[in-house]
N, C-alpha and C. Protein backbone atom coordinates (compact mmCIF):
# COMPACT_ATOMS: atom_id res chain seq x y z
N PHE A 1 -25.97 58.01 -41.33
CA PHE A 1 -24.83 57.79 -42.20
C PHE A 1 -23.74 57.11 -41.40
N TYR A 2 -22.92 56.36 -42.08
CA TYR A 2 -21.84 55.67 -41.39
C TYR A 2 -20.63 55.60 -42.30
N GLN A 3 -19.51 56.09 -41.86
CA GLN A 3 -18.26 55.95 -42.59
C GLN A 3 -17.18 55.59 -41.58
N LEU A 4 -16.33 54.66 -41.92
CA LEU A 4 -15.35 54.21 -40.96
C LEU A 4 -13.93 54.27 -41.49
N CYS A 5 -13.65 53.72 -42.63
CA CYS A 5 -12.25 53.54 -43.00
C CYS A 5 -12.07 53.46 -44.51
N ASN A 6 -10.82 53.47 -44.89
CA ASN A 6 -10.44 53.30 -46.29
C ASN A 6 -10.43 51.81 -46.60
N LYS A 7 -10.87 51.43 -47.77
CA LYS A 7 -10.91 50.03 -48.20
C LYS A 7 -11.82 49.22 -47.29
N GLU A 8 -13.08 49.63 -47.21
CA GLU A 8 -14.06 48.96 -46.37
C GLU A 8 -14.65 47.74 -47.07
N ILE A 9 -14.97 46.73 -46.26
CA ILE A 9 -15.68 45.55 -46.74
C ILE A 9 -16.80 45.28 -45.73
N PHE A 10 -18.04 45.28 -46.21
CA PHE A 10 -19.18 44.97 -45.36
C PHE A 10 -19.71 43.60 -45.76
N LYS A 11 -19.92 42.72 -44.77
CA LYS A 11 -20.54 41.42 -45.02
C LYS A 11 -21.83 41.37 -44.21
N PHE A 12 -22.96 41.39 -44.92
CA PHE A 12 -24.26 41.39 -44.26
C PHE A 12 -24.63 39.96 -43.87
N ASN A 13 -24.74 39.73 -42.55
CA ASN A 13 -25.06 38.41 -42.02
C ASN A 13 -26.56 38.21 -41.89
N LEU A 14 -27.29 39.30 -41.80
CA LEU A 14 -28.74 39.27 -41.60
C LEU A 14 -29.33 40.49 -42.29
N PHE A 15 -30.44 40.31 -42.98
CA PHE A 15 -31.08 41.46 -43.60
C PHE A 15 -32.55 41.15 -43.85
N ILE A 16 -33.43 41.74 -43.03
CA ILE A 16 -34.88 41.63 -43.24
C ILE A 16 -35.50 42.93 -42.75
N THR A 17 -35.96 43.76 -43.69
CA THR A 17 -36.64 45.01 -43.35
C THR A 17 -38.01 45.01 -44.00
N GLN A 18 -38.81 46.02 -43.70
CA GLN A 18 -40.12 46.13 -44.36
C GLN A 18 -39.88 46.44 -45.84
N LEU A 19 -40.44 45.61 -46.70
CA LEU A 19 -40.26 45.75 -48.14
C LEU A 19 -40.75 47.12 -48.61
N ASN A 20 -39.86 47.86 -49.27
CA ASN A 20 -40.13 49.18 -49.85
C ASN A 20 -40.51 50.24 -48.81
N GLN A 21 -40.39 49.94 -47.52
CA GLN A 21 -40.71 50.92 -46.47
C GLN A 21 -39.47 51.33 -45.69
N ASP A 22 -38.61 50.37 -45.39
CA ASP A 22 -37.36 50.60 -44.67
C ASP A 22 -36.23 50.23 -45.62
N VAL A 23 -35.48 51.22 -46.08
CA VAL A 23 -34.53 51.01 -47.17
C VAL A 23 -33.11 51.37 -46.74
N LEU A 24 -32.18 50.48 -47.01
CA LEU A 24 -30.76 50.73 -46.80
C LEU A 24 -30.14 51.04 -48.16
N SER A 25 -29.62 52.26 -48.31
CA SER A 25 -28.93 52.66 -49.54
C SER A 25 -27.44 52.66 -49.26
N ILE A 26 -26.66 52.11 -50.18
CA ILE A 26 -25.21 52.02 -50.01
C ILE A 26 -24.54 52.78 -51.13
N TYR A 27 -23.64 53.70 -50.76
CA TYR A 27 -22.96 54.57 -51.71
C TYR A 27 -21.46 54.31 -51.71
N ASP A 28 -20.86 54.39 -52.88
CA ASP A 28 -19.42 54.27 -53.04
C ASP A 28 -18.83 55.67 -52.88
N GLY A 29 -18.35 55.98 -51.68
CA GLY A 29 -17.79 57.30 -51.42
C GLY A 29 -17.99 57.72 -49.98
N THR A 30 -17.58 58.93 -49.68
CA THR A 30 -17.60 59.43 -48.31
C THR A 30 -18.93 60.03 -47.88
N ASP A 31 -19.91 60.12 -48.79
CA ASP A 31 -21.24 60.62 -48.44
C ASP A 31 -22.23 60.17 -49.51
N THR A 32 -23.46 60.64 -49.40
CA THR A 32 -24.53 60.19 -50.31
C THR A 32 -24.45 60.81 -51.70
N THR A 33 -23.43 61.61 -51.97
CA THR A 33 -23.23 62.11 -53.34
C THR A 33 -22.41 61.10 -54.16
N GLY A 34 -21.89 60.06 -53.50
CA GLY A 34 -21.14 59.03 -54.21
C GLY A 34 -22.07 58.19 -55.08
N THR A 35 -21.49 57.33 -55.88
CA THR A 35 -22.26 56.45 -56.76
C THR A 35 -23.07 55.46 -55.93
N LEU A 36 -24.36 55.34 -56.23
CA LEU A 36 -25.23 54.40 -55.53
C LEU A 36 -24.83 52.98 -55.91
N ILE A 37 -24.41 52.19 -54.94
CA ILE A 37 -24.11 50.77 -55.17
C ILE A 37 -25.41 50.00 -55.25
N GLY A 38 -26.36 50.31 -54.38
CA GLY A 38 -27.65 49.66 -54.40
C GLY A 38 -28.54 50.14 -53.28
N ALA A 39 -29.85 49.90 -53.42
CA ALA A 39 -30.84 50.20 -52.39
C ALA A 39 -31.54 48.88 -52.07
N TYR A 40 -31.63 48.54 -50.79
CA TYR A 40 -32.07 47.21 -50.38
C TYR A 40 -33.19 47.31 -49.36
N SER A 41 -34.20 46.44 -49.50
CA SER A 41 -35.28 46.34 -48.53
C SER A 41 -35.88 44.95 -48.62
N GLY A 42 -36.73 44.63 -47.65
CA GLY A 42 -37.29 43.28 -47.60
C GLY A 42 -36.20 42.29 -47.23
N ALA A 43 -36.14 41.17 -47.94
CA ALA A 43 -35.12 40.15 -47.69
C ALA A 43 -34.00 40.20 -48.73
N ASP A 44 -33.95 41.28 -49.51
CA ASP A 44 -32.93 41.46 -50.56
C ASP A 44 -31.62 41.93 -49.92
N SER A 45 -30.84 40.99 -49.39
CA SER A 45 -29.61 41.31 -48.69
C SER A 45 -28.54 41.82 -49.64
N PRO A 46 -27.78 42.84 -49.22
CA PRO A 46 -26.66 43.30 -50.03
C PRO A 46 -25.53 42.27 -50.15
N GLY A 47 -25.46 41.30 -49.23
CA GLY A 47 -24.39 40.30 -49.26
C GLY A 47 -23.07 40.90 -48.84
N ILE A 48 -22.06 40.80 -49.68
CA ILE A 48 -20.75 41.39 -49.41
C ILE A 48 -20.59 42.63 -50.28
N VAL A 49 -20.25 43.75 -49.65
CA VAL A 49 -20.15 45.03 -50.36
C VAL A 49 -18.75 45.61 -50.14
N THR A 50 -18.12 46.03 -51.22
CA THR A 50 -16.83 46.70 -51.14
C THR A 50 -16.88 47.97 -52.00
N ALA A 51 -15.99 48.89 -51.70
CA ALA A 51 -15.87 50.08 -52.54
C ALA A 51 -15.33 49.67 -53.90
N ASN A 52 -15.61 50.47 -54.90
CA ASN A 52 -15.08 50.24 -56.23
C ASN A 52 -13.56 50.22 -56.17
N PRO A 53 -12.91 49.23 -56.79
CA PRO A 53 -11.45 49.18 -56.74
C PRO A 53 -10.75 50.42 -57.29
N THR A 54 -11.43 51.18 -58.14
CA THR A 54 -10.83 52.39 -58.69
C THR A 54 -11.13 53.63 -57.83
N SER A 55 -11.86 53.42 -56.73
CA SER A 55 -12.19 54.54 -55.84
C SER A 55 -10.92 55.17 -55.28
N THR A 56 -10.90 56.49 -55.23
CA THR A 56 -9.72 57.18 -54.71
C THR A 56 -9.66 57.15 -53.19
N ASN A 57 -10.81 56.93 -52.50
CA ASN A 57 -10.78 56.93 -51.04
C ASN A 57 -11.17 55.59 -50.43
N GLY A 58 -11.80 54.69 -51.17
CA GLY A 58 -12.17 53.37 -50.66
C GLY A 58 -13.28 53.36 -49.64
N CYS A 59 -13.96 54.49 -49.44
CA CYS A 59 -15.01 54.58 -48.43
C CYS A 59 -16.37 54.15 -48.97
N ILE A 60 -17.21 53.67 -48.05
CA ILE A 60 -18.59 53.31 -48.35
C ILE A 60 -19.46 54.06 -47.35
N THR A 61 -20.60 54.59 -47.81
CA THR A 61 -21.54 55.27 -46.93
C THR A 61 -22.85 54.48 -46.91
N LEU A 62 -23.37 54.23 -45.71
CA LEU A 62 -24.66 53.57 -45.54
C LEU A 62 -25.68 54.60 -45.09
N GLU A 63 -26.86 54.58 -45.72
CA GLU A 63 -27.96 55.46 -45.31
C GLU A 63 -29.19 54.57 -45.13
N PHE A 64 -29.71 54.51 -43.90
CA PHE A 64 -30.90 53.71 -43.62
C PHE A 64 -32.06 54.64 -43.35
N ILE A 65 -33.12 54.51 -44.13
CA ILE A 65 -34.32 55.33 -43.95
C ILE A 65 -35.50 54.41 -43.67
N SER A 66 -36.14 54.64 -42.52
CA SER A 66 -37.30 53.85 -42.10
C SER A 66 -38.54 54.72 -42.15
N ASP A 67 -39.68 54.10 -42.45
CA ASP A 67 -40.93 54.85 -42.45
C ASP A 67 -41.45 55.05 -41.03
N GLY A 68 -40.82 54.42 -40.04
CA GLY A 68 -41.18 54.63 -38.64
C GLY A 68 -42.38 53.82 -38.17
N THR A 69 -42.93 52.95 -39.01
CA THR A 69 -44.04 52.11 -38.59
C THR A 69 -43.65 50.65 -38.78
N GLY A 70 -44.22 49.80 -37.98
CA GLY A 70 -43.95 48.37 -38.08
C GLY A 70 -42.53 48.03 -37.67
N ASN A 71 -42.33 46.77 -37.36
CA ASN A 71 -41.01 46.28 -36.99
C ASN A 71 -40.70 45.01 -37.76
N ASN A 72 -39.42 44.81 -38.00
CA ASN A 72 -38.96 43.57 -38.59
C ASN A 72 -37.62 43.25 -37.97
N THR A 73 -36.98 42.21 -38.42
CA THR A 73 -35.73 41.76 -37.82
C THR A 73 -34.64 42.80 -37.91
N GLY A 74 -34.52 43.50 -39.04
CA GLY A 74 -33.49 44.52 -39.23
C GLY A 74 -32.31 43.98 -40.00
N TRP A 75 -31.13 44.55 -39.75
CA TRP A 75 -29.95 44.09 -40.46
C TRP A 75 -28.73 44.11 -39.56
N GLU A 76 -27.76 43.27 -39.94
CA GLU A 76 -26.52 43.15 -39.19
C GLU A 76 -25.40 42.93 -40.19
N ALA A 77 -24.30 43.64 -40.01
CA ALA A 77 -23.16 43.50 -40.93
C ALA A 77 -21.86 43.48 -40.16
N GLY A 78 -20.94 42.65 -40.62
CA GLY A 78 -19.58 42.66 -40.11
C GLY A 78 -18.77 43.60 -40.99
N ILE A 79 -17.84 44.33 -40.38
CA ILE A 79 -17.07 45.32 -41.13
C ILE A 79 -15.59 44.98 -41.03
N SER A 80 -14.94 44.91 -42.18
CA SER A 80 -13.49 44.76 -42.22
C SER A 80 -12.92 46.09 -42.70
N CYS A 81 -11.87 46.51 -42.06
CA CYS A 81 -11.29 47.81 -42.35
C CYS A 81 -9.80 47.65 -42.57
N LEU A 82 -9.32 48.06 -43.73
CA LEU A 82 -7.91 47.90 -44.04
C LEU A 82 -7.08 49.12 -43.69
N ASP A 83 -7.59 50.32 -43.87
CA ASP A 83 -6.89 51.57 -43.54
C ASP A 83 -7.91 52.58 -43.03
N SER A 84 -7.57 53.33 -41.98
CA SER A 84 -8.51 54.34 -41.49
C SER A 84 -8.55 55.52 -42.44
N CYS A 85 -9.73 56.14 -42.55
CA CYS A 85 -9.84 57.31 -43.44
C CYS A 85 -10.49 58.49 -42.77
N GLN A 86 -11.30 58.28 -41.74
CA GLN A 86 -11.92 59.40 -41.07
C GLN A 86 -12.57 58.95 -39.77
N ASN A 87 -13.00 59.92 -38.96
CA ASN A 87 -13.70 59.63 -37.72
C ASN A 87 -15.15 59.29 -38.00
N ILE A 88 -15.76 58.54 -37.10
CA ILE A 88 -17.17 58.19 -37.22
C ILE A 88 -17.99 59.31 -36.60
N THR A 89 -19.01 59.78 -37.31
CA THR A 89 -19.92 60.78 -36.79
C THR A 89 -21.34 60.28 -37.03
N PRO A 90 -21.93 59.55 -36.07
CA PRO A 90 -23.29 59.04 -36.28
C PRO A 90 -24.30 60.19 -36.21
N VAL A 91 -25.32 60.09 -37.05
CA VAL A 91 -26.37 61.10 -37.10
C VAL A 91 -27.71 60.38 -37.13
N ILE A 92 -28.62 60.77 -36.23
CA ILE A 92 -29.98 60.22 -36.23
C ILE A 92 -30.93 61.37 -36.52
N ASN A 93 -31.72 61.23 -37.55
CA ASN A 93 -32.71 62.25 -37.91
C ASN A 93 -34.09 61.69 -37.66
N LEU A 94 -34.89 62.39 -36.92
CA LEU A 94 -36.27 61.99 -36.67
C LEU A 94 -37.19 62.96 -37.38
N THR A 95 -38.25 62.40 -37.95
CA THR A 95 -39.23 63.28 -38.60
C THR A 95 -40.57 63.13 -37.93
């Protein structure tokens, strides 16, 4: 999971994962209980992602789940942050 700031803007410069195996889910909110903006895999890039303008906190949460097999290019995003909202707490879960 990744959360950085209030009024986040993510611009995906690169996106190639294993189709339907390695999935990036993007949520409008401070965790995965927020509204799902979209789930992306393969070459289906999210492009530019922002929180809903009516969001009370402006945060976006990214959740990347990999099946752990095979490799592909992966993804890269630039992040613009207008106001800070919380500390970053990276979590890696292995199964």
